[in-house]
């Protein structure tokens, strides 16, 4: 399975999930495989102007993380929030294109004091056995992110 096919599945889940915070999901990059000069990925645009990115990467030394029941609050957690949402959506949908997926921490990434201990990636094993890593990054918007969950009633729906 190619990176673009993995992104197709995640793109569809993010677009269809109905999360009130997500304004748009857009594609970027041209590389068909992780590790090139124009990494392919998804840009998640939020209603407050903030952005999160999930993109094909090569980053050795990942550590598996448990999936939290809820999204972390936006302020200071934008990458974590995006990748946790992707995992929660995968758990609910169980797409047949994937054999498994795992939330991961990546060495040297994350806030000071938490580097290598917070969600910064998603390891996906496709049905054909291909394994790909999506790295999570983010950029702030013009409006300050909330320190508490702005949509506490929203839940991932099954299927």
N, C-alpha and C. Protein backbone atom coordinates (compact mmCIF):
# COMPACT_ATOMS: atom_id res chain seq x y z
N UNK A 1 0.85 -1.17 0.00
CA UNK A 1 0.00 0.00 0.00
C UNK A 1 0.90 1.23 0.00
N UNK A 2 0.58 2.18 -0.83
CA UNK A 2 1.35 3.42 -0.92
C UNK A 2 0.87 4.45 0.10
N UNK A 3 1.74 5.39 0.40
CA UNK A 3 1.42 6.46 1.33
C UNK A 3 0.14 7.19 0.93
N UNK A 4 -0.03 7.47 -0.35
CA UNK A 4 -1.22 8.20 -0.79
C UNK A 4 -2.50 7.41 -0.50
N UNK A 5 -2.43 6.10 -0.57
CA UNK A 5 -3.61 5.28 -0.27
C UNK A 5 -3.93 5.31 1.23
N UNK A 6 -2.89 5.31 2.06
CA UNK A 6 -3.10 5.43 3.51
C UNK A 6 -3.74 6.79 3.81
N UNK A 7 -3.20 7.83 3.18
CA UNK A 7 -3.76 9.17 3.39
C UNK A 7 -5.21 9.26 2.91
N UNK A 8 -5.55 8.54 1.84
CA UNK A 8 -6.94 8.53 1.37
C UNK A 8 -7.89 8.06 2.47
N UNK A 9 -7.51 7.00 3.17
CA UNK A 9 -8.37 6.45 4.23
C UNK A 9 -8.51 7.45 5.38
N UNK A 10 -7.38 7.99 5.85
CA UNK A 10 -7.42 8.94 6.97
C UNK A 10 -8.17 10.20 6.56
N UNK A 11 -7.94 10.67 5.35
CA UNK A 11 -8.63 11.85 4.81
C UNK A 11 -10.15 11.65 4.88
N UNK A 12 -10.60 10.52 4.40
CA UNK A 12 -12.05 10.22 4.39
C UNK A 12 -12.61 10.22 5.82
N UNK A 13 -11.90 9.60 6.75
CA UNK A 13 -12.37 9.55 8.13
C UNK A 13 -12.46 10.94 8.76
N UNK A 14 -11.43 11.76 8.53
CA UNK A 14 -11.43 13.11 9.09
C UNK A 14 -12.54 13.97 8.49
N UNK A 15 -12.74 13.85 7.19
CA UNK A 15 -13.79 14.64 6.52
C UNK A 15 -15.19 14.23 6.97
N UNK A 16 -15.36 12.93 7.21
CA UNK A 16 -16.70 12.40 7.52
C UNK A 16 -17.03 12.39 9.01
N UNK A 17 -16.06 12.71 9.88
CA UNK A 17 -16.29 12.53 11.32
C UNK A 17 -17.23 13.59 11.91
N UNK A 18 -17.36 14.73 11.26
CA UNK A 18 -18.27 15.75 11.77
C UNK A 18 -17.79 16.49 13.00
N UNK A 19 -16.49 16.47 13.27
CA UNK A 19 -16.00 17.20 14.44
C UNK A 19 -16.18 18.70 14.19
N UNK A 20 -16.85 19.42 15.10
CA UNK A 20 -17.16 20.84 14.88
C UNK A 20 -15.94 21.75 14.82
N UNK A 21 -14.80 21.29 15.27
CA UNK A 21 -13.58 22.08 15.27
C UNK A 21 -12.89 22.08 13.90
N UNK A 22 -13.14 21.06 13.09
CA UNK A 22 -12.46 20.92 11.80
C UNK A 22 -13.19 21.71 10.73
N UNK A 23 -12.47 22.66 10.14
CA UNK A 23 -13.02 23.48 9.06
C UNK A 23 -12.76 22.85 7.69
N UNK A 24 -11.56 22.26 7.51
CA UNK A 24 -11.20 21.67 6.23
C UNK A 24 -10.08 20.65 6.41
N UNK A 25 -10.02 19.70 5.50
CA UNK A 25 -8.92 18.74 5.42
C UNK A 25 -8.40 18.84 4.00
N UNK A 26 -7.10 19.10 3.88
CA UNK A 26 -6.49 19.33 2.56
C UNK A 26 -5.27 18.43 2.41
N UNK A 27 -4.94 18.10 1.17
CA UNK A 27 -3.75 17.31 0.87
C UNK A 27 -2.58 18.24 0.55
N UNK A 28 -1.37 17.76 0.82
CA UNK A 28 -0.17 18.50 0.41
C UNK A 28 0.93 17.49 0.10
N UNK A 29 1.97 17.94 -0.57
CA UNK A 29 3.13 17.11 -0.89
C UNK A 29 2.90 16.21 -2.08
N UNK A 30 3.99 15.74 -2.65
CA UNK A 30 3.90 14.93 -3.87
C UNK A 30 4.58 13.57 -3.76
N UNK A 31 5.35 13.33 -2.70
CA UNK A 31 6.09 12.07 -2.59
C UNK A 31 5.14 10.89 -2.37
N UNK A 32 5.38 9.81 -3.09
CA UNK A 32 4.56 8.60 -2.95
C UNK A 32 5.01 7.75 -1.77
N UNK A 33 6.20 8.05 -1.24
CA UNK A 33 6.74 7.30 -0.10
C UNK A 33 7.31 8.28 0.92
N UNK A 34 7.33 7.90 2.20
CA UNK A 34 7.92 8.77 3.22
C UNK A 34 9.41 8.98 2.98
N UNK A 35 9.91 10.10 3.47
CA UNK A 35 11.34 10.35 3.45
C UNK A 35 11.86 11.19 2.31
N UNK A 36 11.00 11.64 1.41
CA UNK A 36 11.45 12.45 0.28
C UNK A 36 11.41 13.93 0.57
N UNK A 37 11.75 14.75 -0.44
CA UNK A 37 11.80 16.20 -0.25
C UNK A 37 10.44 16.89 -0.18
N UNK A 38 9.37 16.21 -0.63
CA UNK A 38 8.03 16.80 -0.59
C UNK A 38 7.06 15.80 0.04
N UNK A 39 7.18 15.61 1.37
CA UNK A 39 6.38 14.57 2.01
C UNK A 39 4.88 14.80 1.83
N UNK A 40 4.19 13.74 1.44
CA UNK A 40 2.74 13.82 1.28
C UNK A 40 2.08 13.72 2.64
N UNK A 41 0.98 14.47 2.78
CA UNK A 41 0.27 14.43 4.04
C UNK A 41 -1.07 15.13 3.97
N UNK A 42 -1.67 15.27 5.15
CA UNK A 42 -2.95 15.93 5.31
C UNK A 42 -2.77 17.16 6.19
N UNK A 43 -3.40 18.24 5.78
CA UNK A 43 -3.43 19.47 6.57
C UNK A 43 -4.84 19.61 7.12
N UNK A 44 -4.95 19.66 8.44
CA UNK A 44 -6.24 19.84 9.08
C UNK A 44 -6.33 21.30 9.50
N UNK A 45 -7.31 22.00 8.95
CA UNK A 45 -7.52 23.41 9.26
C UNK A 45 -8.68 23.51 10.25
N UNK A 46 -8.41 24.18 11.37
CA UNK A 46 -9.42 24.32 12.42
C UNK A 46 -10.14 25.65 12.31
N UNK A 47 -11.31 25.75 12.93
CA UNK A 47 -12.13 26.95 12.83
C UNK A 47 -11.45 28.18 13.41
N UNK A 48 -10.48 28.01 14.30
CA UNK A 48 -9.78 29.16 14.88
C UNK A 48 -8.52 29.53 14.08
N UNK A 49 -8.30 28.87 12.94
CA UNK A 49 -7.15 29.17 12.10
C UNK A 49 -5.92 28.32 12.37
N UNK A 50 -5.92 27.54 13.44
CA UNK A 50 -4.79 26.65 13.72
C UNK A 50 -4.74 25.54 12.67
N UNK A 51 -3.58 24.93 12.54
CA UNK A 51 -3.38 23.84 11.58
C UNK A 51 -2.70 22.67 12.27
N UNK A 52 -3.02 21.47 11.83
CA UNK A 52 -2.30 20.27 12.23
C UNK A 52 -1.99 19.50 10.96
N UNK A 53 -0.91 18.75 11.00
CA UNK A 53 -0.47 18.01 9.83
C UNK A 53 -0.20 16.56 10.21
N UNK A 54 -0.62 15.64 9.37
CA UNK A 54 -0.26 14.23 9.47
C UNK A 54 0.41 13.89 8.15
N UNK A 55 1.70 13.52 8.21
CA UNK A 55 2.45 13.33 6.97
C UNK A 55 3.39 12.14 7.06
N UNK A 56 3.67 11.55 5.91
CA UNK A 56 4.53 10.39 5.83
C UNK A 56 5.94 10.71 6.26
N UNK A 57 6.47 9.95 7.19
CA UNK A 57 7.80 10.24 7.74
C UNK A 57 8.56 8.95 8.02
N UNK A 58 9.86 9.09 8.16
CA UNK A 58 10.72 8.03 8.65
C UNK A 58 11.34 8.57 9.93
N UNK A 59 11.08 7.90 11.06
CA UNK A 59 11.55 8.39 12.35
C UNK A 59 11.80 7.18 13.25
N UNK A 60 13.03 6.68 13.32
CA UNK A 60 13.29 5.47 14.09
C UNK A 60 13.14 5.69 15.59
N UNK A 61 12.84 4.60 16.27
CA UNK A 61 12.80 4.61 17.73
C UNK A 61 11.46 4.96 18.34
N UNK A 62 10.38 4.65 17.65
CA UNK A 62 9.06 4.99 18.20
C UNK A 62 8.71 4.12 19.40
N UNK A 63 7.86 4.66 20.26
CA UNK A 63 7.38 3.97 21.45
C UNK A 63 5.86 3.92 21.40
N UNK A 64 5.29 2.74 21.53
CA UNK A 64 3.83 2.60 21.53
C UNK A 64 3.23 3.32 22.73
N UNK A 65 2.09 3.95 22.51
CA UNK A 65 1.36 4.66 23.56
C UNK A 65 -0.06 4.12 23.66
N UNK A 66 -0.65 4.15 24.86
CA UNK A 66 -2.07 3.81 24.98
C UNK A 66 -2.90 4.94 24.37
N UNK A 67 -4.05 4.60 23.86
CA UNK A 67 -4.94 5.60 23.27
C UNK A 67 -5.85 6.14 24.37
N UNK A 68 -5.84 7.46 24.57
CA UNK A 68 -6.73 8.03 25.59
C UNK A 68 -8.19 7.93 25.15
N UNK A 69 -9.08 7.97 26.11
CA UNK A 69 -10.51 7.92 25.83
C UNK A 69 -11.02 9.20 25.18
N UNK A 70 -10.32 10.30 25.47
CA UNK A 70 -10.77 11.62 25.01
C UNK A 70 -9.62 12.35 24.35
N UNK A 71 -9.97 13.33 23.55
CA UNK A 71 -8.95 14.18 22.92
C UNK A 71 -8.30 15.08 23.97
N UNK A 72 -7.00 15.32 23.86
CA UNK A 72 -6.39 16.30 24.76
C UNK A 72 -6.90 17.70 24.41
N UNK A 73 -6.92 18.62 25.36
CA UNK A 73 -7.38 19.98 25.04
C UNK A 73 -6.45 20.62 24.01
N UNK A 74 -6.95 21.54 23.21
CA UNK A 74 -6.16 22.10 22.10
C UNK A 74 -4.87 22.82 22.51
N UNK A 75 -4.91 23.66 23.54
CA UNK A 75 -3.75 24.50 23.85
C UNK A 75 -2.52 23.65 24.19
N UNK A 76 -1.50 23.82 23.37
CA UNK A 76 -0.24 23.12 23.57
C UNK A 76 -0.24 21.66 23.15
N UNK A 77 -1.36 21.18 22.63
CA UNK A 77 -1.50 19.76 22.29
C UNK A 77 -2.00 19.53 20.87
N UNK A 78 -1.85 20.49 19.99
CA UNK A 78 -2.43 20.38 18.66
C UNK A 78 -1.98 19.12 17.91
N UNK A 79 -0.66 18.79 17.89
CA UNK A 79 -0.27 17.55 17.19
C UNK A 79 -0.89 16.32 17.83
N UNK A 80 -0.85 16.26 19.18
CA UNK A 80 -1.42 15.13 19.90
C UNK A 80 -2.91 14.99 19.58
N UNK A 81 -3.60 16.11 19.58
CA UNK A 81 -5.04 16.13 19.34
C UNK A 81 -5.37 15.56 17.96
N UNK A 82 -4.61 15.95 16.96
CA UNK A 82 -4.86 15.48 15.59
C UNK A 82 -4.62 13.98 15.47
N UNK A 83 -3.51 13.50 16.00
CA UNK A 83 -3.18 12.09 15.84
C UNK A 83 -4.06 11.21 16.72
N UNK A 84 -4.44 11.68 17.91
CA UNK A 84 -5.37 10.92 18.75
C UNK A 84 -6.73 10.83 18.07
N UNK A 85 -7.20 11.92 17.47
CA UNK A 85 -8.47 11.87 16.74
C UNK A 85 -8.40 10.84 15.62
N UNK A 86 -7.30 10.82 14.88
CA UNK A 86 -7.16 9.84 13.79
C UNK A 86 -7.25 8.41 14.33
N UNK A 87 -6.60 8.13 15.45
CA UNK A 87 -6.63 6.79 16.03
C UNK A 87 -8.04 6.44 16.53
N UNK A 88 -8.70 7.38 17.19
CA UNK A 88 -10.07 7.13 17.65
C UNK A 88 -11.00 6.83 16.49
N UNK A 89 -10.83 7.55 15.39
CA UNK A 89 -11.64 7.31 14.19
C UNK A 89 -11.33 5.95 13.58
N UNK A 90 -10.05 5.58 13.54
CA UNK A 90 -9.68 4.25 13.03
C UNK A 90 -10.26 3.15 13.91
N UNK A 91 -10.19 3.34 15.24
CA UNK A 91 -10.75 2.35 16.15
C UNK A 91 -12.25 2.15 15.90
N UNK A 92 -12.96 3.24 15.65
CA UNK A 92 -14.41 3.16 15.44
C UNK A 92 -14.75 2.57 14.07
N UNK A 93 -13.99 2.95 13.06
CA UNK A 93 -14.32 2.53 11.68
C UNK A 93 -13.75 1.16 11.33
N UNK A 94 -12.59 0.82 11.85
CA UNK A 94 -11.96 -0.46 11.53
C UNK A 94 -11.81 -0.68 10.03
N UNK A 95 -11.17 0.24 9.31
CA UNK A 95 -11.10 0.10 7.85
C UNK A 95 -10.38 -1.18 7.41
N UNK A 96 -10.96 -1.91 6.46
CA UNK A 96 -10.35 -3.18 6.02
C UNK A 96 -9.02 -2.99 5.31
N UNK A 97 -8.71 -1.78 4.88
CA UNK A 97 -7.44 -1.52 4.20
C UNK A 97 -6.25 -1.64 5.15
N UNK A 98 -6.53 -1.57 6.47
CA UNK A 98 -5.46 -1.60 7.47
C UNK A 98 -5.58 -2.84 8.34
N UNK A 99 -4.44 -3.45 8.62
CA UNK A 99 -4.38 -4.59 9.53
C UNK A 99 -4.34 -4.10 10.97
N UNK A 100 -3.56 -3.02 11.19
CA UNK A 100 -3.45 -2.48 12.55
C UNK A 100 -2.97 -1.03 12.49
N UNK A 101 -3.09 -0.35 13.63
CA UNK A 101 -2.61 1.02 13.78
C UNK A 101 -2.26 1.21 15.24
N UNK A 102 -1.27 2.07 15.49
CA UNK A 102 -0.79 2.28 16.85
C UNK A 102 -0.36 3.72 17.03
N UNK A 103 -0.85 4.34 18.08
CA UNK A 103 -0.41 5.67 18.48
C UNK A 103 1.01 5.54 19.02
N UNK A 104 1.91 6.44 18.60
CA UNK A 104 3.31 6.33 19.02
C UNK A 104 3.89 7.67 19.45
N UNK A 105 4.86 7.60 20.35
CA UNK A 105 5.72 8.73 20.69
C UNK A 105 6.98 8.58 19.84
N UNK A 106 7.60 9.71 19.51
CA UNK A 106 8.81 9.70 18.69
C UNK A 106 9.94 10.38 19.45
N UNK A 107 11.14 9.79 19.42
CA UNK A 107 12.27 10.35 20.17
C UNK A 107 12.52 11.81 19.82
N UNK A 108 12.85 12.58 20.83
CA UNK A 108 13.23 13.99 20.68
C UNK A 108 12.10 14.91 20.24
N UNK A 109 10.86 14.44 20.23
CA UNK A 109 9.73 15.28 19.84
C UNK A 109 8.77 15.44 21.01
N UNK A 110 8.23 16.63 21.13
CA UNK A 110 7.27 16.94 22.18
C UNK A 110 7.77 18.10 23.03
N UNK A 111 6.93 18.55 23.92
CA UNK A 111 7.30 19.67 24.80
C UNK A 111 8.48 19.29 25.70
N UNK A 112 9.24 20.28 26.12
CA UNK A 112 10.35 20.06 27.04
C UNK A 112 9.84 19.29 28.26
N UNK A 113 10.58 18.29 28.65
CA UNK A 113 10.19 17.46 29.79
C UNK A 113 9.30 16.29 29.39
N UNK A 114 8.75 16.31 28.18
CA UNK A 114 7.89 15.22 27.71
C UNK A 114 8.37 14.64 26.38
N UNK A 115 9.55 15.05 25.94
CA UNK A 115 10.04 14.59 24.64
C UNK A 115 10.12 13.07 24.60
N UNK A 116 9.60 12.51 23.53
CA UNK A 116 9.59 11.07 23.38
C UNK A 116 8.54 10.36 24.21
N UNK A 117 7.62 11.13 24.83
CA UNK A 117 6.60 10.53 25.70
C UNK A 117 5.18 10.90 25.32
N UNK A 118 5.02 11.79 24.33
CA UNK A 118 3.68 12.24 23.93
C UNK A 118 3.40 11.82 22.48
N UNK A 119 2.13 11.77 22.14
CA UNK A 119 1.70 11.31 20.82
C UNK A 119 2.21 12.26 19.73
N UNK A 120 3.05 11.74 18.87
CA UNK A 120 3.55 12.51 17.73
C UNK A 120 3.52 11.70 16.45
N UNK A 121 2.93 10.50 16.51
CA UNK A 121 2.89 9.68 15.32
C UNK A 121 1.84 8.60 15.37
N UNK A 122 1.63 8.01 14.20
CA UNK A 122 0.66 6.94 14.02
C UNK A 122 1.30 5.90 13.10
N UNK A 123 1.56 4.72 13.65
CA UNK A 123 2.11 3.61 12.87
C UNK A 123 0.94 2.83 12.29
N UNK A 124 0.92 2.65 10.98
CA UNK A 124 -0.15 1.93 10.31
C UNK A 124 0.45 0.74 9.58
N UNK A 125 -0.15 -0.43 9.79
CA UNK A 125 0.21 -1.62 9.03
C UNK A 125 -0.98 -1.91 8.13
N UNK A 126 -0.74 -1.85 6.82
CA UNK A 126 -1.80 -2.07 5.84
C UNK A 126 -2.13 -3.55 5.73
N UNK A 127 -3.25 -3.85 5.12
CA UNK A 127 -3.69 -5.23 4.94
C UNK A 127 -2.66 -6.04 4.17
N UNK A 128 -1.89 -5.39 3.28
CA UNK A 128 -0.87 -6.10 2.51
C UNK A 128 0.45 -6.24 3.25
N UNK A 129 0.52 -5.76 4.52
CA UNK A 129 1.72 -5.87 5.33
C UNK A 129 2.62 -4.65 5.30
N UNK A 130 2.35 -3.70 4.40
CA UNK A 130 3.13 -2.47 4.34
C UNK A 130 2.98 -1.71 5.65
N UNK A 131 4.09 -1.19 6.19
CA UNK A 131 4.06 -0.41 7.42
C UNK A 131 4.51 1.01 7.12
N UNK A 132 3.70 1.98 7.55
CA UNK A 132 4.00 3.39 7.31
C UNK A 132 3.78 4.19 8.59
N UNK A 133 4.59 5.24 8.74
CA UNK A 133 4.46 6.15 9.87
C UNK A 133 3.91 7.49 9.40
N UNK A 134 2.88 7.98 10.08
CA UNK A 134 2.42 9.34 9.87
C UNK A 134 2.87 10.15 11.08
N UNK A 135 3.62 11.21 10.83
CA UNK A 135 4.08 12.08 11.90
C UNK A 135 3.09 13.22 12.07
N UNK A 136 2.87 13.66 13.29
CA UNK A 136 1.96 14.76 13.59
C UNK A 136 2.75 16.01 13.96
N UNK A 137 2.42 17.12 13.30
CA UNK A 137 2.98 18.43 13.63
C UNK A 137 1.84 19.43 13.61
N UNK A 138 2.10 20.66 14.02
CA UNK A 138 1.03 21.65 14.07
C UNK A 138 1.59 23.06 13.98
N UNK A 139 0.69 23.98 13.69
CA UNK A 139 1.00 25.41 13.67
C UNK A 139 -0.18 26.15 14.29
N UNK A 140 0.11 27.13 15.12
CA UNK A 140 -0.94 27.90 15.77
C UNK A 140 -1.63 28.83 14.80
N UNK A 141 -2.81 29.24 15.17
CA UNK A 141 -3.58 30.18 14.37
C UNK A 141 -3.61 31.56 15.01
N UNK A 142 -4.38 32.46 14.43
CA UNK A 142 -4.45 33.81 14.96
C UNK A 142 -5.18 33.90 16.30
N UNK A 143 -6.04 32.92 16.58
CA UNK A 143 -6.78 32.90 17.84
C UNK A 143 -6.13 31.90 18.79
N UNK A 144 -6.11 32.24 20.06
CA UNK A 144 -5.51 31.37 21.07
C UNK A 144 -6.36 30.11 21.25
N UNK A 145 -5.67 28.96 21.32
CA UNK A 145 -6.35 27.69 21.55
C UNK A 145 -6.91 27.64 22.97
N UNK A 146 -7.98 26.89 23.13
CA UNK A 146 -8.61 26.72 24.42
C UNK A 146 -7.79 25.76 25.29
N UNK A 147 -7.74 26.05 26.60
CA UNK A 147 -7.04 25.19 27.55
C UNK A 147 -7.94 24.05 28.03
N UNK A 148 -9.22 24.12 27.70
CA UNK A 148 -10.17 23.06 28.05
C UNK A 148 -10.82 22.56 26.76
N UNK A 149 -11.42 21.40 26.82
CA UNK A 149 -12.07 20.83 25.65
C UNK A 149 -13.22 21.74 25.20
N UNK A 150 -13.13 22.31 23.98
CA UNK A 150 -14.18 23.22 23.52
C UNK A 150 -15.46 22.51 23.06
N UNK A 151 -15.40 21.20 22.84
CA UNK A 151 -16.56 20.44 22.37
C UNK A 151 -16.75 19.19 23.21
N UNK A 152 -17.05 19.33 24.51
CA UNK A 152 -17.10 18.17 25.41
C UNK A 152 -18.18 17.17 25.06
N UNK A 153 -19.21 17.57 24.35
CA UNK A 153 -20.30 16.65 24.03
C UNK A 153 -20.03 15.81 22.78
N UNK A 154 -19.05 16.22 21.97
CA UNK A 154 -18.79 15.50 20.72
C UNK A 154 -18.14 14.17 20.99
N UNK A 155 -18.60 13.13 20.31
CA UNK A 155 -18.04 11.79 20.44
C UNK A 155 -17.86 11.18 19.05
N UNK A 156 -16.89 10.29 18.95
CA UNK A 156 -16.69 9.52 17.72
C UNK A 156 -17.85 8.54 17.63
N UNK A 157 -18.47 8.51 16.46
CA UNK A 157 -19.57 7.55 16.28
C UNK A 157 -19.04 6.27 15.63
N UNK A 158 -19.63 5.16 15.97
CA UNK A 158 -19.19 3.86 15.42
C UNK A 158 -19.44 3.83 13.91
N UNK A 159 -18.53 3.16 13.23
CA UNK A 159 -18.69 2.97 11.79
C UNK A 159 -18.23 4.16 11.01
